Amino acid sequence: MDKQLATSVFESLSSAVRLDIFRLLVKTGPQGLVAGEIGTALEVPPTNLSFHLKALTHAQLVSVVQEGRFQRYRANLALMQELIVYLTAECCSGHPEQCAELSLAPICQ
């Protein structure tokens, strides 16, 4: 991961609505949700939801697949793992094994 992508991810998640959407999609795992399900769960109107989903997609935080008339969104968990590695790469002066409390367990088992 490079600095520009990390910045884009953080900028995208700086919106409370987008953070809620991403966390909801993380909960659903690989199944993801269609846009209407996301809107209903978070009580976000369709036009507002579309704006936020586009921003998350642009930041590569979510992927979208067309399923007939619907679009299914899934959290990009690999990108989130990559961001964690990027943020902790220099832990303890580049020796993360010295950071006893640091745990890089997988996001989903």
PDB file of N, CA and C in Angstrom:
ATOM      1  N   MET A   1       0.849  -1.174   0.000  1.00  0.00           N
ATOM      2  CA  MET A   1       0.000   0.000   0.000  1.00  0.00           C
ATOM      3  C   MET A   1       0.895   1.237   0.000  1.00  0.00           C
ATOM      4  N   ASP A   2       0.456   2.246  -0.714  1.00  0.00           N
ATOM      5  CA  ASP A   2       1.208   3.495  -0.720  1.00  0.00           C
ATOM      6  C   ASP A   2       0.441   4.563   0.058  1.00  0.00           C
ATOM      7  N   LYS A   3       1.117   5.647   0.303  1.00  0.00           N
ATOM      8  CA  LYS A   3       0.553   6.729   1.106  1.00  0.00           C
ATOM      9  C   LYS A   3      -0.716   7.306   0.488  1.00  0.00           C
ATOM     10  N   GLN A   4      -0.736   7.432  -0.832  1.00  0.00           N
ATOM     11  CA  GLN A   4      -1.899   8.006  -1.507  1.00  0.00           C
ATOM     12  C   GLN A   4      -3.141   7.141  -1.298  1.00  0.00           C
ATOM     13  N   LEU A   5      -3.001   5.815  -1.425  1.00  0.00           N
ATOM     14  CA  LEU A   5      -4.142   4.921  -1.211  1.00  0.00           C
ATOM     15  C   LEU A   5      -4.577   4.952   0.250  1.00  0.00           C
ATOM     16  N   ALA A   6      -3.635   4.952   1.174  1.00  0.00           N
ATOM     17  CA  ALA A   6      -3.979   5.014   2.600  1.00  0.00           C
ATOM     18  C   ALA A   6      -4.750   6.296   2.911  1.00  0.00           C
ATOM     19  N   THR A   7      -4.313   7.396   2.344  1.00  0.00           N
ATOM     20  CA  THR A   7      -5.000   8.671   2.544  1.00  0.00           C
ATOM     21  C   THR A   7      -6.409   8.621   1.973  1.00  0.00           C
ATOM     22  N   SER A   8      -6.564   8.043   0.807  1.00  0.00           N
ATOM     23  CA  SER A   8      -7.882   7.906   0.188  1.00  0.00           C
ATOM     24  C   SER A   8      -8.826   7.078   1.059  1.00  0.00           C
ATOM     25  N   VAL A   9      -8.312   5.993   1.637  1.00  0.00           N
ATOM     26  CA  VAL A   9      -9.125   5.144   2.510  1.00  0.00           C
ATOM     27  C   VAL A   9      -9.582   5.940   3.728  1.00  0.00           C
ATOM     28  N   PHE A  10      -8.654   6.641   4.370  1.00  0.00           N
ATOM     29  CA  PHE A  10      -9.018   7.419   5.552  1.00  0.00           C
ATOM     30  C   PHE A  10      -9.993   8.544   5.226  1.00  0.00           C
ATOM     31  N   GLU A  11      -9.789   9.209   4.115  1.00  0.00           N
ATOM     32  CA  GLU A  11     -10.711  10.275   3.715  1.00  0.00           C
ATOM     33  C   GLU A  11     -12.111   9.716   3.502  1.00  0.00           C
ATOM     34  N   SER A  12     -12.192   8.563   2.876  1.00  0.00           N
ATOM     35  CA  SER A  12     -13.494   7.953   2.619  1.00  0.00           C
ATOM     36  C   SER A  12     -14.190   7.572   3.923  1.00  0.00           C
ATOM     37  N   LEU A  13     -13.451   7.047   4.869  1.00  0.00           N
ATOM     38  CA  LEU A  13     -14.049   6.607   6.136  1.00  0.00           C
ATOM     39  C   LEU A  13     -14.274   7.755   7.119  1.00  0.00           C
ATOM     40  N   SER A  14     -13.871   8.963   6.756  1.00  0.00           N
ATOM     41  CA  SER A  14     -14.067  10.098   7.662  1.00  0.00           C
ATOM     42  C   SER A  14     -15.528  10.533   7.733  1.00  0.00           C
ATOM     43  N   SER A  15     -16.366  10.034   6.847  1.00  0.00           N
ATOM     44  CA  SER A  15     -17.801  10.296   6.890  1.00  0.00           C
ATOM     45  C   SER A  15     -18.462   9.250   7.783  1.00  0.00           C
ATOM     46  N   ALA A  16     -19.289   9.700   8.723  1.00  0.00           N
ATOM     47  CA  ALA A  16     -19.971   8.776   9.636  1.00  0.00           C
ATOM     48  C   ALA A  16     -20.853   7.794   8.868  1.00  0.00           C
ATOM     49  N   VAL A  17     -21.514   8.257   7.826  1.00  0.00           N
ATOM     50  CA  VAL A  17     -22.384   7.376   7.035  1.00  0.00           C
ATOM     51  C   VAL A  17     -21.555   6.311   6.337  1.00  0.00           C
ATOM     52  N   ARG A  18     -20.444   6.701   5.725  1.00  0.00           N
ATOM     53  CA  ARG A  18     -19.604   5.731   5.028  1.00  0.00           C
ATOM     54  C   ARG A  18     -18.969   4.748   6.002  1.00  0.00           C
ATOM     55  N   LEU A  19     -18.585   5.221   7.166  1.00  0.00           N
ATOM     56  CA  LEU A  19     -18.045   4.323   8.180  1.00  0.00           C
ATOM     57  C   LEU A  19     -19.099   3.302   8.608  1.00  0.00           C
ATOM     58  N   ASP A  20     -20.331   3.758   8.792  1.00  0.00           N
ATOM     59  CA  ASP A  20     -21.433   2.840   9.136  1.00  0.00           C
ATOM     60  C   ASP A  20     -21.665   1.812   8.033  1.00  0.00           C
ATOM     61  N   ILE A  21     -21.624   2.254   6.789  1.00  0.00           N
ATOM     62  CA  ILE A  21     -21.823   1.344   5.658  1.00  0.00           C
ATOM     63  C   ILE A  21     -20.715   0.296   5.635  1.00  0.00           C
ATOM     64  N   PHE A  22     -19.476   0.736   5.767  1.00  0.00           N
ATOM     65  CA  PHE A  22     -18.362  -0.205   5.726  1.00  0.00           C
ATOM     66  C   PHE A  22     -18.458  -1.215   6.865  1.00  0.00           C
ATOM     67  N   ARG A  23     -18.753  -0.758   8.068  1.00  0.00           N
ATOM     68  CA  ARG A  23     -18.863  -1.668   9.214  1.00  0.00           C
ATOM     69  C   ARG A  23     -20.005  -2.659   9.019  1.00  0.00           C
ATOM     70  N   LEU A  24     -21.111  -2.209   8.437  1.00  0.00           N
ATOM     71  CA  LEU A  24     -22.225  -3.117   8.155  1.00  0.00           C
ATOM     72  C   LEU A  24     -21.799  -4.184   7.153  1.00  0.00           C
ATOM     73  N   LEU A  25     -21.084  -3.776   6.118  1.00  0.00           N
ATOM     74  CA  LEU A  25     -20.632  -4.736   5.116  1.00  0.00           C
ATOM     75  C   LEU A  25     -19.594  -5.704   5.680  1.00  0.00           C
ATOM     76  N   VAL A  26     -18.774  -5.239   6.604  1.00  0.00           N
ATOM     77  CA  VAL A  26     -17.820  -6.138   7.261  1.00  0.00           C
ATOM     78  C   VAL A  26     -18.586  -7.218   8.021  1.00  0.00           C
ATOM     79  N   LYS A  27     -19.672  -6.827   8.695  1.00  0.00           N
ATOM     80  CA  LYS A  27     -20.483  -7.791   9.452  1.00  0.00           C
ATOM     81  C   LYS A  27     -21.066  -8.875   8.562  1.00  0.00           C
ATOM     82  N   THR A  28     -21.434  -8.511   7.339  1.00  0.00           N
ATOM     83  CA  THR A  28     -22.075  -9.492   6.448  1.00  0.00           C
ATOM     84  C   THR A  28     -21.071 -10.407   5.771  1.00  0.00           C
ATOM     85  N   GLY A  29     -19.789 -10.050   5.821  1.00  0.00           N
ATOM     86  CA  GLY A  29     -18.759 -10.897   5.233  1.00  0.00           C
ATOM     87  C   GLY A  29     -18.895 -10.997   3.725  1.00  0.00           C
ATOM     88  N   PRO A  30     -18.496 -12.150   3.167  1.00  0.00           N
ATOM     89  CA  PRO A  30     -18.469 -12.290   1.708  1.00  0.00           C
ATOM     90  C   PRO A  30     -19.846 -12.237   1.041  1.00  0.00           C
ATOM     91  N   GLN A  31     -20.895 -12.442   1.796  1.00  0.00           N
ATOM     92  CA  GLN A  31     -22.248 -12.375   1.223  1.00  0.00           C
ATOM     93  C   GLN A  31     -22.583 -10.966   0.766  1.00  0.00           C
ATOM     94  N   GLY A  32     -22.141  -9.973   1.528  1.00  0.00           N
ATOM     95  CA  GLY A  32     -22.429  -8.591   1.182  1.00  0.00           C
ATOM     96  C   GLY A  32     -23.910  -8.280   1.276  1.00  0.00           C
ATOM     97  N   LEU A  33     -24.284  -7.127   0.779  1.00  0.00           N
ATOM     98  CA  LEU A  33     -25.679  -6.683   0.787  1.00  0.00           C
ATOM     99  C   LEU A  33     -25.970  -5.921  -0.493  1.00  0.00           C
ATOM    100  N   VAL A  34     -27.223  -5.969  -0.924  1.00  0.00           N
ATOM    101  CA  VAL A  34     -27.626  -5.122  -2.037  1.00  0.00           C
ATOM    102  C   VAL A  34     -27.900  -3.731  -1.480  1.00  0.00           C
ATOM    103  N   ALA A  35     -27.851  -2.741  -2.344  1.00  0.00           N
ATOM    104  CA  ALA A  35     -27.963  -1.347  -1.923  1.00  0.00           C
ATOM    105  C   ALA A  35     -29.216  -1.088  -1.091  1.00  0.00           C
ATOM    106  N   GLY A  36     -30.345  -1.640  -1.492  1.00  0.00           N
ATOM    107  CA  GLY A  36     -31.592  -1.427  -0.753  1.00  0.00           C
ATOM    108  C   GLY A  36     -31.523  -1.952   0.667  1.00  0.00           C
ATOM    109  N   GLU A  37     -30.836  -3.071   0.854  1.00  0.00           N
ATOM    110  CA  GLU A  37     -30.679  -3.626   2.204  1.00  0.00           C
ATOM    111  C   GLU A  37     -29.817  -2.720   3.077  1.00  0.00           C
ATOM    112  N   ILE A  38     -28.795  -2.152   2.480  1.00  0.00           N
ATOM    113  CA  ILE A  38     -27.929  -1.228   3.219  1.00  0.00           C
ATOM    114  C   ILE A  38     -28.731   0.000   3.637  1.00  0.00           C
ATOM    115  N   GLY A  39     -29.467   0.564   2.686  1.00  0.00           N
ATOM    116  CA  GLY A  39     -30.275   1.754   2.964  1.00  0.00           C
ATOM    117  C   GLY A  39     -31.296   1.513   4.052  1.00  0.00           C
ATOM    118  N   THR A  40     -31.964   0.374   3.999  1.00  0.00           N
ATOM    119  CA  THR A  40     -32.966   0.039   5.003  1.00  0.00           C
ATOM    120  C   THR A  40     -32.326  -0.142   6.376  1.00  0.00           C
ATOM    121  N   ALA A  41     -31.236  -0.887   6.423  1.00  0.00           N
ATOM    122  CA  ALA A  41     -30.568  -1.156   7.701  1.00  0.00           C
ATOM    123  C   ALA A  41     -30.064   0.119   8.375  1.00  0.00           C
ATOM    124  N   LEU A  42     -29.592   1.072   7.577  1.00  0.00           N
ATOM    125  CA  LEU A  42     -28.997   2.291   8.133  1.00  0.00           C
ATOM    126  C   LEU A  42     -29.922   3.506   8.043  1.00  0.00           C
ATOM    127  N   GLU A  43     -31.108   3.297   7.472  1.00  0.00           N
ATOM    128  CA  GLU A  43     -32.082   4.382   7.299  1.00  0.00           C
ATOM    129  C   GLU A  43     -31.486   5.565   6.535  1.00  0.00           C
ATOM    130  N   VAL A  44     -30.855   5.223   5.401  1.00  0.00           N
ATOM    131  CA  VAL A  44     -30.248   6.235   4.540  1.00  0.00           C
ATOM    132  C   VAL A  44     -31.056   6.276   3.241  1.00  0.00           C
ATOM    133  N   PRO A  45     -31.524   7.464   2.825  1.00  0.00           N
ATOM    134  CA  PRO A  45     -32.288   7.571   1.578  1.00  0.00           C
ATOM    135  C   PRO A  45     -31.461   7.139   0.368  1.00  0.00           C
ATOM    136  N   PRO A  46     -32.119   6.582  -0.660  1.00  0.00           N
ATOM    137  CA  PRO A  46     -31.402   6.048  -1.831  1.00  0.00           C
ATOM    138  C   PRO A  46     -30.431   7.027  -2.496  1.00  0.00           C
ATOM    139  N   THR A  47     -30.806   8.279  -2.667  1.00  0.00           N
ATOM    140  CA  THR A  47     -29.899   9.218  -3.346  1.00  0.00           C
ATOM    141  C   THR A  47     -28.662   9.490  -2.492  1.00  0.00           C
ATOM    142  N   ASN A  48     -28.844   9.617  -1.207  1.00  0.00           N
ATOM    143  CA  ASN A  48     -27.717   9.831  -0.289  1.00  0.00           C
ATOM    144  C   ASN A  48     -26.841   8.579  -0.250  1.00  0.00           C
ATOM    145  N   LEU A  49     -27.481   7.412  -0.201  1.00  0.00           N
ATOM    146  CA  LEU A  49     -26.749   6.146  -0.155  1.00  0.00           C
ATOM    147  C   LEU A  49     -25.893   5.969  -1.400  1.00  0.00           C
ATOM    148  N   SER A  50     -26.444   6.280  -2.549  1.00  0.00           N
ATOM    149  CA  SER A  50     -25.724   6.146  -3.810  1.00  0.00           C
ATOM    150  C   SER A  50     -24.440   6.977  -3.800  1.00  0.00           C
ATOM    151  N   PHE A  51     -24.521   8.178  -3.303  1.00  0.00           N
ATOM    152  CA  PHE A  51     -23.361   9.069  -3.201  1.00  0.00           C
ATOM    153  C   PHE A  51     -22.265   8.432  -2.344  1.00  0.00           C
ATOM    154  N   HIS A  52     -22.647   7.897  -1.184  1.00  0.00           N
ATOM    155  CA  HIS A  52     -21.676   7.309  -0.265  1.00  0.00           C
ATOM    156  C   HIS A  52     -21.101   5.996  -0.793  1.00  0.00           C
ATOM    157  N   LEU A  53     -21.925   5.183  -1.423  1.00  0.00           N
ATOM    158  CA  LEU A  53     -21.435   3.925  -1.991  1.00  0.00           C
ATOM    159  C   LEU A  53     -20.442   4.190  -3.115  1.00  0.00           C
ATOM    160  N   LYS A  54     -20.708   5.224  -3.898  1.00  0.00           N
ATOM    161  CA  LYS A  54     -19.780   5.593  -4.974  1.00  0.00           C
ATOM    162  C   LYS A  54     -18.432   6.005  -4.388  1.00  0.00           C
ATOM    163  N   ALA A  55     -18.442   6.774  -3.313  1.00  0.00           N
ATOM    164  CA  ALA A  55     -17.196   7.208  -2.676  1.00  0.00           C
ATOM    165  C   ALA A  55     -16.427   6.004  -2.119  1.00  0.00           C
ATOM    166  N   LEU A  56     -17.126   5.071  -1.498  1.00  0.00           N
ATOM    167  CA  LEU A  56     -16.477   3.870  -0.956  1.00  0.00           C
ATOM    168  C   LEU A  56     -15.899   3.004  -2.071  1.00  0.00           C
ATOM    169  N   THR A  57     -16.620   2.902  -3.168  1.00  0.00           N
ATOM    170  CA  THR A  57     -16.150   2.125  -4.313  1.00  0.00           C
ATOM    171  C   THR A  57     -14.917   2.786  -4.926  1.00  0.00           C
ATOM    172  N   HIS A  58     -14.964   4.099  -5.056  1.00  0.00           N
ATOM    173  CA  HIS A  58     -13.836   4.842  -5.623  1.00  0.00           C
ATOM    174  C   HIS A  58     -12.575   4.662  -4.764  1.00  0.00           C
ATOM    175  N   ALA A  59     -12.752   4.588  -3.448  1.00  0.00           N
ATOM    176  CA  ALA A  59     -11.618   4.393  -2.533  1.00  0.00           C
ATOM    177  C   ALA A  59     -11.210   2.922  -2.434  1.00  0.00           C
ATOM    178  N   GLN A  60     -11.884   2.062  -3.175  1.00  0.00           N
ATOM    179  CA  GLN A  60     -11.613   0.623  -3.215  1.00  0.00           C
ATOM    180  C   GLN A  60     -11.974  -0.096  -1.913  1.00  0.00           C
ATOM    181  N   LEU A  61     -12.737   0.560  -1.042  1.00  0.00           N
ATOM    182  CA  LEU A  61     -13.140  -0.064   0.215  1.00  0.00           C
ATOM    183  C   LEU A  61     -14.256  -1.073   0.035  1.00  0.00           C
ATOM    184  N   VAL A  62     -15.038  -0.911  -1.011  1.00  0.00           N
ATOM    185  CA  VAL A  62     -16.086  -1.877  -1.313  1.00  0.00           C
ATOM    186  C   VAL A  62     -16.014  -2.247  -2.785  1.00  0.00           C
ATOM    187  N   SER A  63     -16.470  -3.457  -3.067  1.00  0.00           N
ATOM    188  CA  SER A  63     -16.602  -3.879  -4.460  1.00  0.00           C
ATOM    189  C   SER A  63     -18.087  -4.011  -4.738  1.00  0.00           C
ATOM    190  N   VAL A  64     -18.441  -3.905  -5.996  1.00  0.00           N
ATOM    191  CA  VAL A  64     -19.847  -3.985  -6.383  1.00  0.00           C
ATOM    192  C   VAL A  64     -19.982  -4.925  -7.570  1.00  0.00           C
ATOM    193  N   VAL A  65     -21.030  -5.754  -7.526  1.00  0.00           N
ATOM    194  CA  VAL A  65     -21.322  -6.695  -8.603  1.00  0.00           C
ATOM    195  C   VAL A  65     -22.792  -6.535  -8.972  1.00  0.00           C
ATOM    196  N   GLN A  66     -23.043  -6.426 -10.254  1.00  0.00           N
ATOM    197  CA  GLN A  66     -24.417  -6.324 -10.735  1.00  0.00           C
ATOM    198  C   GLN A  66     -25.078  -7.697 -10.666  1.00  0.00           C
ATOM    199  N   GLU A  67     -26.251  -7.773 -10.053  1.00  0.00           N
ATOM    200  CA  GLU A  67     -27.044  -9.008  -9.985  1.00  0.00           C
ATOM    201  C   GLU A  67     -28.445  -8.694 -10.478  1.00  0.00           C
ATOM    202  N   GLY A  68     -28.642  -8.845 -11.777  1.00  0.00           N
ATOM    203  CA  GLY A  68     -29.938  -8.481 -12.350  1.00  0.00           C
ATOM    204  C   GLY A  68     -30.164  -6.992 -12.204  1.00  0.00           C
ATOM    205  N   ARG A  69     -31.251  -6.634 -11.523  1.00  0.00           N
ATOM    206  CA  ARG A  69     -31.576  -5.222 -11.303  1.00  0.00           C
ATOM    207  C   ARG A  69     -30.859  -4.631 -10.097  1.00  0.00           C
ATOM    208  N   PHE A  70     -30.196  -5.466  -9.332  1.00  0.00           N
ATOM    209  CA  PHE A  70     -29.597  -5.034  -8.072  1.00  0.00           C
ATOM    210  C   PHE A  70     -28.079  -4.970  -8.156  1.00  0.00           C
ATOM    211  N   GLN A  71     -27.503  -4.191  -7.250  1.00  0.00           N
ATOM    212  CA  GLN A  71     -26.052  -4.133  -7.114  1.00  0.00           C
ATOM    213  C   GLN A  71     -25.702  -4.622  -5.717  1.00  0.00           C
ATOM    214  N   ARG A  72     -24.823  -5.626  -5.657  1.00  0.00           N
ATOM    215  CA  ARG A  72     -24.402  -6.198  -4.380  1.00  0.00           C
ATOM    216  C   ARG A  72     -23.039  -5.622  -4.014  1.00  0.00           C
ATOM    217  N   TYR A  73     -22.949  -5.124  -2.791  1.00  0.00           N
ATOM    218  CA  TYR A  73     -21.729  -4.503  -2.287  1.00  0.00           C
ATOM    219  C   TYR A  73     -21.087  -5.399  -1.233  1.00  0.00           C
ATOM    220  N   ARG A  74     -19.762  -5.469  -1.276  1.00  0.00           N
ATOM    221  CA  ARG A  74     -18.988  -6.252  -0.313  1.00  0.00           C
ATOM    222  C   ARG A  74     -17.806  -5.419   0.166  1.00  0.00           C
ATOM    223  N   ALA A  75     -17.485  -5.562   1.459  1.00  0.00           N
ATOM    224  CA  ALA A  75     -16.319  -4.869   2.016  1.00  0.00           C
ATOM    225  C   ALA A  75     -15.050  -5.498   1.467  1.00  0.00           C
ATOM    226  N   ASN A  76     -14.070  -4.671   1.178  1.00  0.00           N
ATOM    227  CA  ASN A  76     -12.769  -5.138   0.707  1.00  0.00           C
ATOM    228  C   ASN A  76     -11.893  -5.382   1.943  1.00  0.00           C
ATOM    229  N   LEU A  77     -12.038  -6.569   2.526  1.00  0.00           N
ATOM    230  CA  LEU A  77     -11.313  -6.900   3.754  1.00  0.00           C
ATOM    231  C   LEU A  77      -9.806  -7.007   3.518  1.00  0.00           C
ATOM    232  N   ALA A  78      -9.417  -7.425   2.333  1.00  0.00           N
ATOM    233  CA  ALA A  78      -7.988  -7.516   2.017  1.00  0.00           C
ATOM    234  C   ALA A  78      -7.339  -6.131   2.068  1.00  0.00           C
ATOM    235  N   LEU A  79      -8.050  -5.121   1.587  1.00  0.00           N
ATOM    236  CA  LEU A  79      -7.523  -3.758   1.626  1.00  0.00           C
ATOM    237  C   LEU A  79      -7.387  -3.283   3.075  1.00  0.00           C
ATOM    238  N   MET A  80      -8.351  -3.630   3.914  1.00  0.00           N
ATOM    239  CA  MET A  80      -8.279  -3.216   5.309  1.00  0.00           C
ATOM    240  C   MET A  80      -7.091  -3.889   6.006  1.00  0.00           C
ATOM    241  N   GLN A  81      -6.847  -5.172   5.692  1.00  0.00           N
ATOM    242  CA  GLN A  81      -5.670  -5.872   6.231  1.00  0.00           C
ATOM    243  C   GLN A  81      -4.394  -5.165   5.774  1.00  0.00           C
ATOM    244  N   GLU A  82      -4.365  -4.804   4.500  1.00  0.00           N
ATOM    245  CA  GLU A  82      -3.196  -4.121   3.937  1.00  0.00           C
ATOM    246  C   GLU A  82      -2.962  -2.782   4.637  1.00  0.00           C
ATOM    247  N   LEU A  83      -4.042  -2.073   4.948  1.00  0.00           N
ATOM    248  CA  LEU A  83      -3.930  -0.797   5.649  1.00  0.00           C
ATOM    249  C   LEU A  83      -3.352  -0.997   7.053  1.00  0.00           C
ATOM    250  N   ILE A  84      -3.789  -2.033   7.746  1.00  0.00           N
ATOM    251  CA  ILE A  84      -3.271  -2.318   9.088  1.00  0.00           C
ATOM    252  C   ILE A  84      -1.769  -2.613   9.017  1.00  0.00           C
ATOM    253  N   VAL A  85      -1.374  -3.414   8.046  1.00  0.00           N
ATOM    254  CA  VAL A  85       0.052  -3.717   7.872  1.00  0.00           C
ATOM    255  C   VAL A  85       0.828  -2.434   7.570  1.00  0.00           C
ATOM    256  N   TYR A  86       0.291  -1.595   6.696  1.00  0.00           N
ATOM    257  CA  TYR A  86       0.940  -0.330   6.348  1.00  0.00           C
ATOM    258  C   TYR A  86       1.122   0.555   7.579  1.00  0.00           C
ATOM    259  N   LEU A  87       0.076   0.639   8.411  1.00  0.00           N
ATOM    260  CA  LEU A  87       0.132   1.505   9.583  1.00  0.00           C
ATOM    261  C   LEU A  87       1.085   0.996  10.658  1.00  0.00           C
ATOM    262  N   THR A  88       1.283  -0.301  10.705  1.00  0.00           N
ATOM    263  CA  THR A  88       2.106  -0.871  11.778  1.00  0.00           C
ATOM    264  C   THR A  88       3.479  -1.327  11.300  1.00  0.00           C
ATOM    265  N   ALA A  89       3.816  -1.076  10.062  1.00  0.00           N
ATOM    266  CA  ALA A  89       5.083  -1.542   9.494  1.00  0.00           C
ATOM    267  C   ALA A  89       6.297  -1.010  10.252  1.00  0.00           C
ATOM    268  N   GLU A  90       6.206   0.168  10.772  1.00  0.00           N
ATOM    269  CA  GLU A  90       7.339   0.766  11.474  1.00  0.00           C
ATOM    270  C   GLU A  90       7.193   0.684  12.993  1.00  0.00           C
ATOM    271  N   CYS A  91       6.304  -0.167  13.458  1.00  0.00           N
ATOM    272  CA  CYS A  91       6.113  -0.341  14.897  1.00  0.00           C
ATOM    273  C   CYS A  91       7.443  -0.736  15.545  1.00  0.00           C
ATOM    274  N   CYS A  92       7.747  -0.131  16.664  1.00  0.00           N
ATOM    275  CA  CYS A  92       8.987  -0.423  17.403  1.00  0.00           C
ATOM    276  C   CYS A  92      10.214  -0.299  16.491  1.00  0.00           C
ATOM    277  N   SER A  93      10.277   0.805  15.762  1.00  0.00           N
ATOM    278  CA  SER A  93      11.400   1.088  14.861  1.00  0.00           C
ATOM    279  C   SER A  93      11.607   0.000  13.815  1.00  0.00           C
ATOM    280  N   GLY A  94      10.516  -0.514  13.268  1.00  0.00           N
ATOM    281  CA  GLY A  94      10.614  -1.525  12.222  1.00  0.00           C
ATOM    282  C   GLY A  94      10.749  -2.941  12.739  1.00  0.00           C
ATOM    283  N   HIS A  95      10.542  -3.162  14.024  1.00  0.00           N
ATOM    284  CA  HIS A  95      10.631  -4.491  14.630  1.00  0.00           C
ATOM    285  C   HIS A  95       9.326  -4.808  15.354  1.00  0.00           C
ATOM    286  N   PRO A  96       8.255  -5.048  14.596  1.00  0.00           N
ATOM    287  CA  PRO A  96       6.954  -5.266  15.235  1.00  0.00           C
ATOM    288  C   PRO A  96       6.925  -6.462  16.186  1.00  0.00           C
ATOM    289  N   GLU A  97       7.867  -7.394  16.042  1.00  0.00           N
ATOM    290  CA  GLU A  97       7.914  -8.532  16.963  1.00  0.00           C
ATOM    291  C   GLU A  97       8.203  -8.082  18.394  1.00  0.00           C
ATOM    292  N   GLN A  98       8.726  -6.882  18.565  1.00  0.00           N
ATOM    293  CA  GLN A  98       8.999  -6.348  19.896  1.00  0.00           C
ATOM    294  C   GLN A  98       7.767  -5.717  20.548  1.00  0.00           C
ATOM    295  N   CYS A  99       6.731  -5.522  19.779  1.00  0.00           N
ATOM    296  CA  CYS A  99       5.508  -4.897  20.288  1.00  0.00           C
ATOM    297  C   CYS A  99       4.574  -5.997  20.789  1.00  0.00           C
ATOM    298  N   ALA A 100       4.682  -6.331  22.053  1.00  0.00           N
ATOM    299  CA  ALA A 100       3.955  -7.464  22.636  1.00  0.00           C
ATOM    300  C   ALA A 100       2.442  -7.338  22.466  1.00  0.00           C
ATOM    301  N   GLU A 101       1.905  -6.137  22.576  1.00  0.00           N
ATOM    302  CA  GLU A 101       0.450  -5.977  22.500  1.00  0.00           C
ATOM    303  C   GLU A 101      -0.080  -5.911  21.069  1.00  0.00           C
ATOM    304  N   LEU A 102       0.799  -5.896  20.087  1.00  0.00           N
ATOM    305  CA  LEU A 102       0.372  -5.830  18.691  1.00  0.00           C
ATOM    306  C   LEU A 102      -0.063  -7.204  18.212  1.00  0.00           C
ATOM    307  N   SER A 103      -1.285  -7.290  17.743  1.00  0.00           N
ATOM    308  CA  SER A 103      -1.796  -8.559  17.231  1.00  0.00           C
ATOM    309  C   SER A 103      -2.351  -8.321  15.835  1.00  0.00           C
ATOM    310  N   LEU A 104      -1.749  -8.949  14.858  1.00  0.00           N
ATOM    311  CA  LEU A 104      -2.224  -8.815  13.474  1.00  0.00           C
ATOM    312  C   LEU A 104      -3.024 -10.041  13.074  1.00  0.00           C
ATOM    313  N   ALA A 105      -3.965 -10.432  13.928  1.00  0.00           N
ATOM    314  CA  ALA A 105      -4.833 -11.567  13.622  1.00  0.00           C
ATOM    315  C   ALA A 105      -5.701 -11.220  12.414  1.00  0.00           C
ATOM    316  N   PRO A 106      -6.041 -12.227  11.609  1.00  0.00           N
ATOM    317  CA  PRO A 106      -6.911 -11.968  10.464  1.00  0.00           C
ATOM    318  C   PRO A 106      -8.231 -11.332  10.903  1.00  0.00           C
ATOM    319  N   ILE A 107      -8.790 -10.475  10.046  1.00  0.00           N
ATOM    320  CA  ILE A 107     -10.046  -9.796  10.347  1.00  0.00           C
ATOM    321  C   ILE A 107     -11.171 -10.822  10.468  1.00  0.00           C
ATOM    322  N   CYS A 108     -11.248 -11.730   9.571  1.00  0.00           N
ATOM    323  CA  CYS A 108     -12.296 -12.752   9.594  1.00  0.00           C
ATOM    324  C   CYS A 108     -11.653 -14.118   9.618  1.00  0.00           C
ATOM    325  N   GLN A 109     -12.155 -14.985  10.412  1.00  0.00           N
ATOM    326  CA  GLN A 109     -11.643 -16.356  10.485  1.00  0.00           C
ATOM    327  C   GLN A 109     -12.419 -17.240   9.544  1.00  0.00           C
TER     328      GLN A 109
END
